[in-house]
PDBML (XML) file of the C-alpha atoms, coordinates in Angstrom:
<?xml version="1.0" encoding="UTF-8" ?>
<PDBx:datablock datablockName="MODEL"
   xmlns:PDBx="http://pdbml.pdb.org/schema/pdbx-v50.xsd"
   xmlns:xsi="http://www.w3.org/2001/XMLSchema-instance"
   xsi:schemaLocation="http://pdbml.pdb.org/schema/pdbx-v50.xsd pdbx-v50.xsd">
   <PDBx:atom_siteCategory>
      <PDBx:atom_site id="1">
         <PDBx:B_iso_or_equiv>0.00</PDBx:B_iso_or_equiv>
         <PDBx:Cartn_x>77.516</PDBx:Cartn_x>
         <PDBx:Cartn_y>-108.704</PDBx:Cartn_y>
         <PDBx:Cartn_z>-105.473</PDBx:Cartn_z>
         <PDBx:auth_asym_id>A</PDBx:auth_asym_id>
         <PDBx:auth_atom_id>CA</PDBx:auth_atom_id>
         <PDBx:auth_comp_id>LEU</PDBx:auth_comp_id>
         <PDBx:auth_seq_id>1</PDBx:auth_seq_id>
         <PDBx:group_PDB>ATOM</PDBx:group_PDB>
         <PDBx:label_alt_id xsi:nil="true" />
         <PDBx:label_asym_id>A</PDBx:label_asym_id>
         <PDBx:label_atom_id>CA</PDBx:label_atom_id>
         <PDBx:label_comp_id>LEU</PDBx:label_comp_id>
         <PDBx:label_entity_id>1</PDBx:label_entity_id>
         <PDBx:label_seq_id>1</PDBx:label_seq_id>
         <PDBx:occupancy>1.00</PDBx:occupancy>
         <PDBx:pdbx_PDB_model_num>1</PDBx:pdbx_PDB_model_num>
         <PDBx:type_symbol>C</PDBx:type_symbol>
      </PDBx:atom_site>
      <PDBx:atom_site id="2">
         <PDBx:B_iso_or_equiv>0.00</PDBx:B_iso_or_equiv>
         <PDBx:Cartn_x>75.208</PDBx:Cartn_x>
         <PDBx:Cartn_y>-106.889</PDBx:Cartn_y>
         <PDBx:Cartn_z>-103.498</PDBx:Cartn_z>
         <PDBx:auth_asym_id>A</PDBx:auth_asym_id>
         <PDBx:auth_atom_id>CA</PDBx:auth_atom_id>
         <PDBx:auth_comp_id>GLY</PDBx:auth_comp_id>
         <PDBx:auth_seq_id>2</PDBx:auth_seq_id>
         <PDBx:group_PDB>ATOM</PDBx:group_PDB>
         <PDBx:label_alt_id xsi:nil="true" />
         <PDBx:label_asym_id>A</PDBx:label_asym_id>
         <PDBx:label_atom_id>CA</PDBx:label_atom_id>
         <PDBx:label_comp_id>GLY</PDBx:label_comp_id>
         <PDBx:label_entity_id>1</PDBx:label_entity_id>
         <PDBx:label_seq_id>2</PDBx:label_seq_id>
         <PDBx:occupancy>1.00</PDBx:occupancy>
         <PDBx:pdbx_PDB_model_num>1</PDBx:pdbx_PDB_model_num>
         <PDBx:type_symbol>C</PDBx:type_symbol>
      </PDBx:atom_site>
      <PDBx:atom_site id="3">
         <PDBx:B_iso_or_equiv>0.00</PDBx:B_iso_or_equiv>
         <PDBx:Cartn_x>74.329</PDBx:Cartn_x>
         <PDBx:Cartn_y>-104.072</PDBx:Cartn_y>
         <PDBx:Cartn_z>-105.565</PDBx:Cartn_z>
         <PDBx:auth_asym_id>A</PDBx:auth_asym_id>
         <PDBx:auth_atom_id>CA</PDBx:auth_atom_id>
         <PDBx:auth_comp_id>GLY</PDBx:auth_comp_id>
         <PDBx:auth_seq_id>3</PDBx:auth_seq_id>
         <PDBx:group_PDB>ATOM</PDBx:group_PDB>
         <PDBx:label_alt_id xsi:nil="true" />
         <PDBx:label_asym_id>A</PDBx:label_asym_id>
         <PDBx:label_atom_id>CA</PDBx:label_atom_id>
         <PDBx:label_comp_id>GLY</PDBx:label_comp_id>
         <PDBx:label_entity_id>1</PDBx:label_entity_id>
         <PDBx:label_seq_id>3</PDBx:label_seq_id>
         <PDBx:occupancy>1.00</PDBx:occupancy>
         <PDBx:pdbx_PDB_model_num>1</PDBx:pdbx_PDB_model_num>
         <PDBx:type_symbol>C</PDBx:type_symbol>
      </PDBx:atom_site>
      <PDBx:atom_site id="4">
         <PDBx:B_iso_or_equiv>0.00</PDBx:B_iso_or_equiv>
         <PDBx:Cartn_x>78.303</PDBx:Cartn_x>
         <PDBx:Cartn_y>-103.323</PDBx:Cartn_y>
         <PDBx:Cartn_z>-105.679</PDBx:Cartn_z>
         <PDBx:auth_asym_id>A</PDBx:auth_asym_id>
         <PDBx:auth_atom_id>CA</PDBx:auth_atom_id>
         <PDBx:auth_comp_id>ASN</PDBx:auth_comp_id>
         <PDBx:auth_seq_id>4</PDBx:auth_seq_id>
         <PDBx:group_PDB>ATOM</PDBx:group_PDB>
         <PDBx:label_alt_id xsi:nil="true" />
         <PDBx:label_asym_id>A</PDBx:label_asym_id>
         <PDBx:label_atom_id>CA</PDBx:label_atom_id>
         <PDBx:label_comp_id>ASN</PDBx:label_comp_id>
         <PDBx:label_entity_id>1</PDBx:label_entity_id>
         <PDBx:label_seq_id>4</PDBx:label_seq_id>
         <PDBx:occupancy>1.00</PDBx:occupancy>
         <PDBx:pdbx_PDB_model_num>1</PDBx:pdbx_PDB_model_num>
         <PDBx:type_symbol>C</PDBx:type_symbol>
      </PDBx:atom_site>
      <PDBx:atom_site id="5">
         <PDBx:B_iso_or_equiv>0.00</PDBx:B_iso_or_equiv>
         <PDBx:Cartn_x>79.856</PDBx:Cartn_x>
         <PDBx:Cartn_y>-104.254</PDBx:Cartn_y>
         <PDBx:Cartn_z>-108.777</PDBx:Cartn_z>
         <PDBx:auth_asym_id>A</PDBx:auth_asym_id>
         <PDBx:auth_atom_id>CA</PDBx:auth_atom_id>
         <PDBx:auth_comp_id>LEU</PDBx:auth_comp_id>
         <PDBx:auth_seq_id>5</PDBx:auth_seq_id>
         <PDBx:group_PDB>ATOM</PDBx:group_PDB>
         <PDBx:label_alt_id xsi:nil="true" />
         <PDBx:label_asym_id>A</PDBx:label_asym_id>
         <PDBx:label_atom_id>CA</PDBx:label_atom_id>
         <PDBx:label_comp_id>LEU</PDBx:label_comp_id>
         <PDBx:label_entity_id>1</PDBx:label_entity_id>
         <PDBx:label_seq_id>5</PDBx:label_seq_id>
         <PDBx:occupancy>1.00</PDBx:occupancy>
         <PDBx:pdbx_PDB_model_num>1</PDBx:pdbx_PDB_model_num>
         <PDBx:type_symbol>C</PDBx:type_symbol>
      </PDBx:atom_site>
      <PDBx:atom_site id="6">
         <PDBx:B_iso_or_equiv>0.00</PDBx:B_iso_or_equiv>
         <PDBx:Cartn_x>83.679</PDBx:Cartn_x>
         <PDBx:Cartn_y>-104.264</PDBx:Cartn_y>
         <PDBx:Cartn_z>-109.351</PDBx:Cartn_z>
         <PDBx:auth_asym_id>A</PDBx:auth_asym_id>
         <PDBx:auth_atom_id>CA</PDBx:auth_atom_id>
         <PDBx:auth_comp_id>PRO</PDBx:auth_comp_id>
         <PDBx:auth_seq_id>6</PDBx:auth_seq_id>
         <PDBx:group_PDB>ATOM</PDBx:group_PDB>
         <PDBx:label_alt_id xsi:nil="true" />
         <PDBx:label_asym_id>A</PDBx:label_asym_id>
         <PDBx:label_atom_id>CA</PDBx:label_atom_id>
         <PDBx:label_comp_id>PRO</PDBx:label_comp_id>
         <PDBx:label_entity_id>1</PDBx:label_entity_id>
         <PDBx:label_seq_id>6</PDBx:label_seq_id>
         <PDBx:occupancy>1.00</PDBx:occupancy>
         <PDBx:pdbx_PDB_model_num>1</PDBx:pdbx_PDB_model_num>
         <PDBx:type_symbol>C</PDBx:type_symbol>
      </PDBx:atom_site>
      <PDBx:atom_site id="7">
         <PDBx:B_iso_or_equiv>0.00</PDBx:B_iso_or_equiv>
         <PDBx:Cartn_x>85.160</PDBx:Cartn_x>
         <PDBx:Cartn_y>-100.997</PDBx:Cartn_y>
         <PDBx:Cartn_z>-111.313</PDBx:Cartn_z>
         <PDBx:auth_asym_id>A</PDBx:auth_asym_id>
         <PDBx:auth_atom_id>CA</PDBx:auth_atom_id>
         <PDBx:auth_comp_id>GLU</PDBx:auth_comp_id>
         <PDBx:auth_seq_id>7</PDBx:auth_seq_id>
         <PDBx:group_PDB>ATOM</PDBx:group_PDB>
         <PDBx:label_alt_id xsi:nil="true" />
         <PDBx:label_asym_id>A</PDBx:label_asym_id>
         <PDBx:label_atom_id>CA</PDBx:label_atom_id>
         <PDBx:label_comp_id>GLU</PDBx:label_comp_id>
         <PDBx:label_entity_id>1</PDBx:label_entity_id>
         <PDBx:label_seq_id>7</PDBx:label_seq_id>
         <PDBx:occupancy>1.00</PDBx:occupancy>
         <PDBx:pdbx_PDB_model_num>1</PDBx:pdbx_PDB_model_num>
         <PDBx:type_symbol>C</PDBx:type_symbol>
      </PDBx:atom_site>
      <PDBx:atom_site id="8">
         <PDBx:B_iso_or_equiv>0.00</PDBx:B_iso_or_equiv>
         <PDBx:Cartn_x>85.273</PDBx:Cartn_x>
         <PDBx:Cartn_y>-103.663</PDBx:Cartn_y>
         <PDBx:Cartn_z>-114.665</PDBx:Cartn_z>
         <PDBx:auth_asym_id>A</PDBx:auth_asym_id>
         <PDBx:auth_atom_id>CA</PDBx:auth_atom_id>
         <PDBx:auth_comp_id>ALA</PDBx:auth_comp_id>
         <PDBx:auth_seq_id>8</PDBx:auth_seq_id>
         <PDBx:group_PDB>ATOM</PDBx:group_PDB>
         <PDBx:label_alt_id xsi:nil="true" />
         <PDBx:label_asym_id>A</PDBx:label_asym_id>
         <PDBx:label_atom_id>CA</PDBx:label_atom_id>
         <PDBx:label_comp_id>ALA</PDBx:label_comp_id>
         <PDBx:label_entity_id>1</PDBx:label_entity_id>
         <PDBx:label_seq_id>8</PDBx:label_seq_id>
         <PDBx:occupancy>1.00</PDBx:occupancy>
         <PDBx:pdbx_PDB_model_num>1</PDBx:pdbx_PDB_model_num>
         <PDBx:type_symbol>C</PDBx:type_symbol>
      </PDBx:atom_site>
      <PDBx:atom_site id="9">
         <PDBx:B_iso_or_equiv>0.00</PDBx:B_iso_or_equiv>
         <PDBx:Cartn_x>84.057</PDBx:Cartn_x>
         <PDBx:Cartn_y>-106.402</PDBx:Cartn_y>
         <PDBx:Cartn_z>-116.047</PDBx:Cartn_z>
         <PDBx:auth_asym_id>A</PDBx:auth_asym_id>
         <PDBx:auth_atom_id>CA</PDBx:auth_atom_id>
         <PDBx:auth_comp_id>ILE</PDBx:auth_comp_id>
         <PDBx:auth_seq_id>9</PDBx:auth_seq_id>
         <PDBx:group_PDB>ATOM</PDBx:group_PDB>
         <PDBx:label_alt_id xsi:nil="true" />
         <PDBx:label_asym_id>A</PDBx:label_asym_id>
         <PDBx:label_atom_id>CA</PDBx:label_atom_id>
         <PDBx:label_comp_id>ILE</PDBx:label_comp_id>
         <PDBx:label_entity_id>1</PDBx:label_entity_id>
         <PDBx:label_seq_id>9</PDBx:label_seq_id>
         <PDBx:occupancy>1.00</PDBx:occupancy>
         <PDBx:pdbx_PDB_model_num>1</PDBx:pdbx_PDB_model_num>
         <PDBx:type_symbol>C</PDBx:type_symbol>
      </PDBx:atom_site>
      <PDBx:atom_site id="10">
         <PDBx:B_iso_or_equiv>0.00</PDBx:B_iso_or_equiv>
         <PDBx:Cartn_x>86.450</PDBx:Cartn_x>
         <PDBx:Cartn_y>-108.764</PDBx:Cartn_y>
         <PDBx:Cartn_z>-118.251</PDBx:Cartn_z>
         <PDBx:auth_asym_id>A</PDBx:auth_asym_id>
         <PDBx:auth_atom_id>CA</PDBx:auth_atom_id>
         <PDBx:auth_comp_id>LEU</PDBx:auth_comp_id>
         <PDBx:auth_seq_id>10</PDBx:auth_seq_id>
         <PDBx:group_PDB>ATOM</PDBx:group_PDB>
         <PDBx:label_alt_id xsi:nil="true" />
         <PDBx:label_asym_id>A</PDBx:label_asym_id>
         <PDBx:label_atom_id>CA</PDBx:label_atom_id>
         <PDBx:label_comp_id>LEU</PDBx:label_comp_id>
         <PDBx:label_entity_id>1</PDBx:label_entity_id>
         <PDBx:label_seq_id>10</PDBx:label_seq_id>
         <PDBx:occupancy>1.00</PDBx:occupancy>
         <PDBx:pdbx_PDB_model_num>1</PDBx:pdbx_PDB_model_num>
         <PDBx:type_symbol>C</PDBx:type_symbol>
      </PDBx:atom_site>
      <PDBx:atom_site id="11">
         <PDBx:B_iso_or_equiv>0.00</PDBx:B_iso_or_equiv>
         <PDBx:Cartn_x>84.337</PDBx:Cartn_x>
         <PDBx:Cartn_y>-110.656</PDBx:Cartn_y>
         <PDBx:Cartn_z>-121.350</PDBx:Cartn_z>
         <PDBx:auth_asym_id>A</PDBx:auth_asym_id>
         <PDBx:auth_atom_id>CA</PDBx:auth_atom_id>
         <PDBx:auth_comp_id>LEU</PDBx:auth_comp_id>
         <PDBx:auth_seq_id>11</PDBx:auth_seq_id>
         <PDBx:group_PDB>ATOM</PDBx:group_PDB>
         <PDBx:label_alt_id xsi:nil="true" />
         <PDBx:label_asym_id>A</PDBx:label_asym_id>
         <PDBx:label_atom_id>CA</PDBx:label_atom_id>
         <PDBx:label_comp_id>LEU</PDBx:label_comp_id>
         <PDBx:label_entity_id>1</PDBx:label_entity_id>
         <PDBx:label_seq_id>11</PDBx:label_seq_id>
         <PDBx:occupancy>1.00</PDBx:occupancy>
         <PDBx:pdbx_PDB_model_num>1</PDBx:pdbx_PDB_model_num>
         <PDBx:type_symbol>C</PDBx:type_symbol>
      </PDBx:atom_site>
      <PDBx:atom_site id="12">
         <PDBx:B_iso_or_equiv>0.00</PDBx:B_iso_or_equiv>
         <PDBx:Cartn_x>85.915</PDBx:Cartn_x>
         <PDBx:Cartn_y>-113.231</PDBx:Cartn_y>
         <PDBx:Cartn_z>-124.373</PDBx:Cartn_z>
         <PDBx:auth_asym_id>A</PDBx:auth_asym_id>
         <PDBx:auth_atom_id>CA</PDBx:auth_atom_id>
         <PDBx:auth_comp_id>PRO</PDBx:auth_comp_id>
         <PDBx:auth_seq_id>12</PDBx:auth_seq_id>
         <PDBx:group_PDB>ATOM</PDBx:group_PDB>
         <PDBx:label_alt_id xsi:nil="true" />
         <PDBx:label_asym_id>A</PDBx:label_asym_id>
         <PDBx:label_atom_id>CA</PDBx:label_atom_id>
         <PDBx:label_comp_id>PRO</PDBx:label_comp_id>
         <PDBx:label_entity_id>1</PDBx:label_entity_id>
         <PDBx:label_seq_id>12</PDBx:label_seq_id>
         <PDBx:occupancy>1.00</PDBx:occupancy>
         <PDBx:pdbx_PDB_model_num>1</PDBx:pdbx_PDB_model_num>
         <PDBx:type_symbol>C</PDBx:type_symbol>
      </PDBx:atom_site>
      <PDBx:atom_site id="13">
         <PDBx:B_iso_or_equiv>0.00</PDBx:B_iso_or_equiv>
         <PDBx:Cartn_x>84.224</PDBx:Cartn_x>
         <PDBx:Cartn_y>-111.669</PDBx:Cartn_y>
         <PDBx:Cartn_z>-127.097</PDBx:Cartn_z>
         <PDBx:auth_asym_id>A</PDBx:auth_asym_id>
         <PDBx:auth_atom_id>CA</PDBx:auth_atom_id>
         <PDBx:auth_comp_id>ALA</PDBx:auth_comp_id>
         <PDBx:auth_seq_id>13</PDBx:auth_seq_id>
         <PDBx:group_PDB>ATOM</PDBx:group_PDB>
         <PDBx:label_alt_id xsi:nil="true" />
         <PDBx:label_asym_id>A</PDBx:label_asym_id>
         <PDBx:label_atom_id>CA</PDBx:label_atom_id>
         <PDBx:label_comp_id>ALA</PDBx:label_comp_id>
         <PDBx:label_entity_id>1</PDBx:label_entity_id>
         <PDBx:label_seq_id>13</PDBx:label_seq_id>
         <PDBx:occupancy>1.00</PDBx:occupancy>
         <PDBx:pdbx_PDB_model_num>1</PDBx:pdbx_PDB_model_num>
         <PDBx:type_symbol>C</PDBx:type_symbol>
      </PDBx:atom_site>
      <PDBx:atom_site id="14">
         <PDBx:B_iso_or_equiv>0.00</PDBx:B_iso_or_equiv>
         <PDBx:Cartn_x>83.699</PDBx:Cartn_x>
         <PDBx:Cartn_y>-113.281</PDBx:Cartn_y>
         <PDBx:Cartn_z>-130.584</PDBx:Cartn_z>
         <PDBx:auth_asym_id>A</PDBx:auth_asym_id>
         <PDBx:auth_atom_id>CA</PDBx:auth_atom_id>
         <PDBx:auth_comp_id>GLY</PDBx:auth_comp_id>
         <PDBx:auth_seq_id>14</PDBx:auth_seq_id>
         <PDBx:group_PDB>ATOM</PDBx:group_PDB>
         <PDBx:label_alt_id xsi:nil="true" />
         <PDBx:label_asym_id>A</PDBx:label_asym_id>
         <PDBx:label_atom_id>CA</PDBx:label_atom_id>
         <PDBx:label_comp_id>GLY</PDBx:label_comp_id>
         <PDBx:label_entity_id>1</PDBx:label_entity_id>
         <PDBx:label_seq_id>14</PDBx:label_seq_id>
         <PDBx:occupancy>1.00</PDBx:occupancy>
         <PDBx:pdbx_PDB_model_num>1</PDBx:pdbx_PDB_model_num>
         <PDBx:type_symbol>C</PDBx:type_symbol>
      </PDBx:atom_site>
      <PDBx:atom_site id="15">
         <PDBx:B_iso_or_equiv>0.00</PDBx:B_iso_or_equiv>
         <PDBx:Cartn_x>80.424</PDBx:Cartn_x>
         <PDBx:Cartn_y>-112.381</PDBx:Cartn_y>
         <PDBx:Cartn_z>-132.039</PDBx:Cartn_z>
         <PDBx:auth_asym_id>A</PDBx:auth_asym_id>
         <PDBx:auth_atom_id>CA</PDBx:auth_atom_id>
         <PDBx:auth_comp_id>ASN</PDBx:auth_comp_id>
         <PDBx:auth_seq_id>15</PDBx:auth_seq_id>
         <PDBx:group_PDB>ATOM</PDBx:group_PDB>
         <PDBx:label_alt_id xsi:nil="true" />
         <PDBx:label_asym_id>A</PDBx:label_asym_id>
         <PDBx:label_atom_id>CA</PDBx:label_atom_id>
         <PDBx:label_comp_id>ASN</PDBx:label_comp_id>
         <PDBx:label_entity_id>1</PDBx:label_entity_id>
         <PDBx:label_seq_id>15</PDBx:label_seq_id>
         <PDBx:occupancy>1.00</PDBx:occupancy>
         <PDBx:pdbx_PDB_model_num>1</PDBx:pdbx_PDB_model_num>
         <PDBx:type_symbol>C</PDBx:type_symbol>
      </PDBx:atom_site>
      <PDBx:atom_site id="16">
         <PDBx:B_iso_or_equiv>0.00</PDBx:B_iso_or_equiv>
         <PDBx:Cartn_x>79.690</PDBx:Cartn_x>
         <PDBx:Cartn_y>-110.160</PDBx:Cartn_y>
         <PDBx:Cartn_z>-128.810</PDBx:Cartn_z>
         <PDBx:auth_asym_id>A</PDBx:auth_asym_id>
         <PDBx:auth_atom_id>CA</PDBx:auth_atom_id>
         <PDBx:auth_comp_id>GLY</PDBx:auth_comp_id>
         <PDBx:auth_seq_id>16</PDBx:auth_seq_id>
         <PDBx:group_PDB>ATOM</PDBx:group_PDB>
         <PDBx:label_alt_id xsi:nil="true" />
         <PDBx:label_asym_id>A</PDBx:label_asym_id>
         <PDBx:label_atom_id>CA</PDBx:label_atom_id>
         <PDBx:label_comp_id>GLY</PDBx:label_comp_id>
         <PDBx:label_entity_id>1</PDBx:label_entity_id>
         <PDBx:label_seq_id>16</PDBx:label_seq_id>
         <PDBx:occupancy>1.00</PDBx:occupancy>
         <PDBx:pdbx_PDB_model_num>1</PDBx:pdbx_PDB_model_num>
         <PDBx:type_symbol>C</PDBx:type_symbol>
      </PDBx:atom_site>
      <PDBx:atom_site id="17">
         <PDBx:B_iso_or_equiv>0.00</PDBx:B_iso_or_equiv>
         <PDBx:Cartn_x>76.780</PDBx:Cartn_x>
         <PDBx:Cartn_y>-111.021</PDBx:Cartn_y>
         <PDBx:Cartn_z>-127.356</PDBx:Cartn_z>
         <PDBx:auth_asym_id>A</PDBx:auth_asym_id>
         <PDBx:auth_atom_id>CA</PDBx:auth_atom_id>
         <PDBx:auth_comp_id>THR</PDBx:auth_comp_id>
         <PDBx:auth_seq_id>17</PDBx:auth_seq_id>
         <PDBx:group_PDB>ATOM</PDBx:group_PDB>
         <PDBx:label_alt_id xsi:nil="true" />
         <PDBx:label_asym_id>A</PDBx:label_asym_id>
         <PDBx:label_atom_id>CA</PDBx:label_atom_id>
         <PDBx:label_comp_id>THR</PDBx:label_comp_id>
         <PDBx:label_entity_id>1</PDBx:label_entity_id>
         <PDBx:label_seq_id>17</PDBx:label_seq_id>
         <PDBx:occupancy>1.00</PDBx:occupancy>
         <PDBx:pdbx_PDB_model_num>1</PDBx:pdbx_PDB_model_num>
         <PDBx:type_symbol>C</PDBx:type_symbol>
      </PDBx:atom_site>
      <PDBx:atom_site id="18">
         <PDBx:B_iso_or_equiv>0.00</PDBx:B_iso_or_equiv>
         <PDBx:Cartn_x>77.843</PDBx:Cartn_x>
         <PDBx:Cartn_y>-111.408</PDBx:Cartn_y>
         <PDBx:Cartn_z>-123.787</PDBx:Cartn_z>
         <PDBx:auth_asym_id>A</PDBx:auth_asym_id>
         <PDBx:auth_atom_id>CA</PDBx:auth_atom_id>
         <PDBx:auth_comp_id>LEU</PDBx:auth_comp_id>
         <PDBx:auth_seq_id>18</PDBx:auth_seq_id>
         <PDBx:group_PDB>ATOM</PDBx:group_PDB>
         <PDBx:label_alt_id xsi:nil="true" />
         <PDBx:label_asym_id>A</PDBx:label_asym_id>
         <PDBx:label_atom_id>CA</PDBx:label_atom_id>
         <PDBx:label_comp_id>LEU</PDBx:label_comp_id>
         <PDBx:label_entity_id>1</PDBx:label_entity_id>
         <PDBx:label_seq_id>18</PDBx:label_seq_id>
         <PDBx:occupancy>1.00</PDBx:occupancy>
         <PDBx:pdbx_PDB_model_num>1</PDBx:pdbx_PDB_model_num>
         <PDBx:type_symbol>C</PDBx:type_symbol>
      </PDBx:atom_site>
      <PDBx:atom_site id="19">
         <PDBx:B_iso_or_equiv>0.00</PDBx:B_iso_or_equiv>
         <PDBx:Cartn_x>79.399</PDBx:Cartn_x>
         <PDBx:Cartn_y>-107.957</PDBx:Cartn_y>
         <PDBx:Cartn_z>-123.789</PDBx:Cartn_z>
         <PDBx:auth_asym_id>A</PDBx:auth_asym_id>
         <PDBx:auth_atom_id>CA</PDBx:auth_atom_id>
         <PDBx:auth_comp_id>LEU</PDBx:auth_comp_id>
         <PDBx:auth_seq_id>19</PDBx:auth_seq_id>
         <PDBx:group_PDB>ATOM</PDBx:group_PDB>
         <PDBx:label_alt_id xsi:nil="true" />
         <PDBx:label_asym_id>A</PDBx:label_asym_id>
         <PDBx:label_atom_id>CA</PDBx:label_atom_id>
         <PDBx:label_comp_id>LEU</PDBx:label_comp_id>
         <PDBx:label_entity_id>1</PDBx:label_entity_id>
         <PDBx:label_seq_id>19</PDBx:label_seq_id>
         <PDBx:occupancy>1.00</PDBx:occupancy>
         <PDBx:pdbx_PDB_model_num>1</PDBx:pdbx_PDB_model_num>
         <PDBx:type_symbol>C</PDBx:type_symbol>
      </PDBx:atom_site>
      <PDBx:atom_site id="20">
         <PDBx:B_iso_or_equiv>0.00</PDBx:B_iso_or_equiv>
         <PDBx:Cartn_x>75.621</PDBx:Cartn_x>
         <PDBx:Cartn_y>-106.511</PDBx:Cartn_y>
         <PDBx:Cartn_z>-126.541</PDBx:Cartn_z>
         <PDBx:auth_asym_id>A</PDBx:auth_asym_id>
         <PDBx:auth_atom_id>CA</PDBx:auth_atom_id>
         <PDBx:auth_comp_id>ILE</PDBx:auth_comp_id>
         <PDBx:auth_seq_id>20</PDBx:auth_seq_id>
         <PDBx:group_PDB>ATOM</PDBx:group_PDB>
         <PDBx:label_alt_id xsi:nil="true" />
         <PDBx:label_asym_id>A</PDBx:label_asym_id>
         <PDBx:label_atom_id>CA</PDBx:label_atom_id>
         <PDBx:label_comp_id>ILE</PDBx:label_comp_id>
         <PDBx:label_entity_id>1</PDBx:label_entity_id>
         <PDBx:label_seq_id>20</PDBx:label_seq_id>
         <PDBx:occupancy>1.00</PDBx:occupancy>
         <PDBx:pdbx_PDB_model_num>1</PDBx:pdbx_PDB_model_num>
         <PDBx:type_symbol>C</PDBx:type_symbol>
      </PDBx:atom_site>
      <PDBx:atom_site id="21">
         <PDBx:B_iso_or_equiv>0.00</PDBx:B_iso_or_equiv>
         <PDBx:Cartn_x>74.079</PDBx:Cartn_x>
         <PDBx:Cartn_y>-108.491</PDBx:Cartn_y>
         <PDBx:Cartn_z>-123.187</PDBx:Cartn_z>
         <PDBx:auth_asym_id>A</PDBx:auth_asym_id>
         <PDBx:auth_atom_id>CA</PDBx:auth_atom_id>
         <PDBx:auth_comp_id>GLY</PDBx:auth_comp_id>
         <PDBx:auth_seq_id>21</PDBx:auth_seq_id>
         <PDBx:group_PDB>ATOM</PDBx:group_PDB>
         <PDBx:label_alt_id xsi:nil="true" />
         <PDBx:label_asym_id>A</PDBx:label_asym_id>
         <PDBx:label_atom_id>CA</PDBx:label_atom_id>
         <PDBx:label_comp_id>GLY</PDBx:label_comp_id>
         <PDBx:label_entity_id>1</PDBx:label_entity_id>
         <PDBx:label_seq_id>21</PDBx:label_seq_id>
         <PDBx:occupancy>1.00</PDBx:occupancy>
         <PDBx:pdbx_PDB_model_num>1</PDBx:pdbx_PDB_model_num>
         <PDBx:type_symbol>C</PDBx:type_symbol>
      </PDBx:atom_site>
      <PDBx:atom_site id="22">
         <PDBx:B_iso_or_equiv>0.00</PDBx:B_iso_or_equiv>
         <PDBx:Cartn_x>75.604</PDBx:Cartn_x>
         <PDBx:Cartn_y>-107.765</PDBx:Cartn_y>
         <PDBx:Cartn_z>-120.433</PDBx:Cartn_z>
         <PDBx:auth_asym_id>A</PDBx:auth_asym_id>
         <PDBx:auth_atom_id>CA</PDBx:auth_atom_id>
         <PDBx:auth_comp_id>ALA</PDBx:auth_comp_id>
         <PDBx:auth_seq_id>22</PDBx:auth_seq_id>
         <PDBx:group_PDB>ATOM</PDBx:group_PDB>
         <PDBx:label_alt_id xsi:nil="true" />
         <PDBx:label_asym_id>A</PDBx:label_asym_id>
         <PDBx:label_atom_id>CA</PDBx:label_atom_id>
         <PDBx:label_comp_id>ALA</PDBx:label_comp_id>
         <PDBx:label_entity_id>1</PDBx:label_entity_id>
         <PDBx:label_seq_id>22</PDBx:label_seq_id>
         <PDBx:occupancy>1.00</PDBx:occupancy>
         <PDBx:pdbx_PDB_model_num>1</PDBx:pdbx_PDB_model_num>
         <PDBx:type_symbol>C</PDBx:type_symbol>
      </PDBx:atom_site>
      <PDBx:atom_site id="23">
         <PDBx:B_iso_or_equiv>0.00</PDBx:B_iso_or_equiv>
         <PDBx:Cartn_x>75.602</PDBx:Cartn_x>
         <PDBx:Cartn_y>-103.896</PDBx:Cartn_y>
         <PDBx:Cartn_z>-121.631</PDBx:Cartn_z>
         <PDBx:auth_asym_id>A</PDBx:auth_asym_id>
         <PDBx:auth_atom_id>CA</PDBx:auth_atom_id>
         <PDBx:auth_comp_id>ALA</PDBx:auth_comp_id>
         <PDBx:auth_seq_id>23</PDBx:auth_seq_id>
         <PDBx:group_PDB>ATOM</PDBx:group_PDB>
         <PDBx:label_alt_id xsi:nil="true" />
         <PDBx:label_asym_id>A</PDBx:label_asym_id>
         <PDBx:label_atom_id>CA</PDBx:label_atom_id>
         <PDBx:label_comp_id>ALA</PDBx:label_comp_id>
         <PDBx:label_entity_id>1</PDBx:label_entity_id>
         <PDBx:label_seq_id>23</PDBx:label_seq_id>
         <PDBx:occupancy>1.00</PDBx:occupancy>
         <PDBx:pdbx_PDB_model_num>1</PDBx:pdbx_PDB_model_num>
         <PDBx:type_symbol>C</PDBx:type_symbol>
      </PDBx:atom_site>
      <PDBx:atom_site id="24">
         <PDBx:B_iso_or_equiv>0.00</PDBx:B_iso_or_equiv>
         <PDBx:Cartn_x>71.703</PDBx:Cartn_x>
         <PDBx:Cartn_y>-103.745</PDBx:Cartn_y>
         <PDBx:Cartn_z>-121.940</PDBx:Cartn_z>
         <PDBx:auth_asym_id>A</PDBx:auth_asym_id>
         <PDBx:auth_atom_id>CA</PDBx:auth_atom_id>
         <PDBx:auth_comp_id>ILE</PDBx:auth_comp_id>
         <PDBx:auth_seq_id>24</PDBx:auth_seq_id>
         <PDBx:group_PDB>ATOM</PDBx:group_PDB>
         <PDBx:label_alt_id xsi:nil="true" />
         <PDBx:label_asym_id>A</PDBx:label_asym_id>
         <PDBx:label_atom_id>CA</PDBx:label_atom_id>
         <PDBx:label_comp_id>ILE</PDBx:label_comp_id>
         <PDBx:label_entity_id>1</PDBx:label_entity_id>
         <PDBx:label_seq_id>24</PDBx:label_seq_id>
         <PDBx:occupancy>1.00</PDBx:occupancy>
         <PDBx:pdbx_PDB_model_num>1</PDBx:pdbx_PDB_model_num>
         <PDBx:type_symbol>C</PDBx:type_symbol>
      </PDBx:atom_site>
      <PDBx:atom_site id="25">
         <PDBx:B_iso_or_equiv>0.00</PDBx:B_iso_or_equiv>
         <PDBx:Cartn_x>71.163</PDBx:Cartn_x>
         <PDBx:Cartn_y>-105.537</PDBx:Cartn_y>
         <PDBx:Cartn_z>-118.572</PDBx:Cartn_z>
         <PDBx:auth_asym_id>A</PDBx:auth_asym_id>
         <PDBx:auth_atom_id>CA</PDBx:auth_atom_id>
         <PDBx:auth_comp_id>GLY</PDBx:auth_comp_id>
         <PDBx:auth_seq_id>25</PDBx:auth_seq_id>
         <PDBx:group_PDB>ATOM</PDBx:group_PDB>
         <PDBx:label_alt_id xsi:nil="true" />
         <PDBx:label_asym_id>A</PDBx:label_asym_id>
         <PDBx:label_atom_id>CA</PDBx:label_atom_id>
         <PDBx:label_comp_id>GLY</PDBx:label_comp_id>
         <PDBx:label_entity_id>1</PDBx:label_entity_id>
         <PDBx:label_seq_id>25</PDBx:label_seq_id>
         <PDBx:occupancy>1.00</PDBx:occupancy>
         <PDBx:pdbx_PDB_model_num>1</PDBx:pdbx_PDB_model_num>
         <PDBx:type_symbol>C</PDBx:type_symbol>
      </PDBx:atom_site>
   </PDBx:atom_siteCategory>
</PDBx:datablock>
């Protein structure tokens, strides 16, 4: 996205691995 991130990102969450990883990134 060329550094222009959206206001919100919707992620499926069970154990939260993508949510946690995204937050770290």
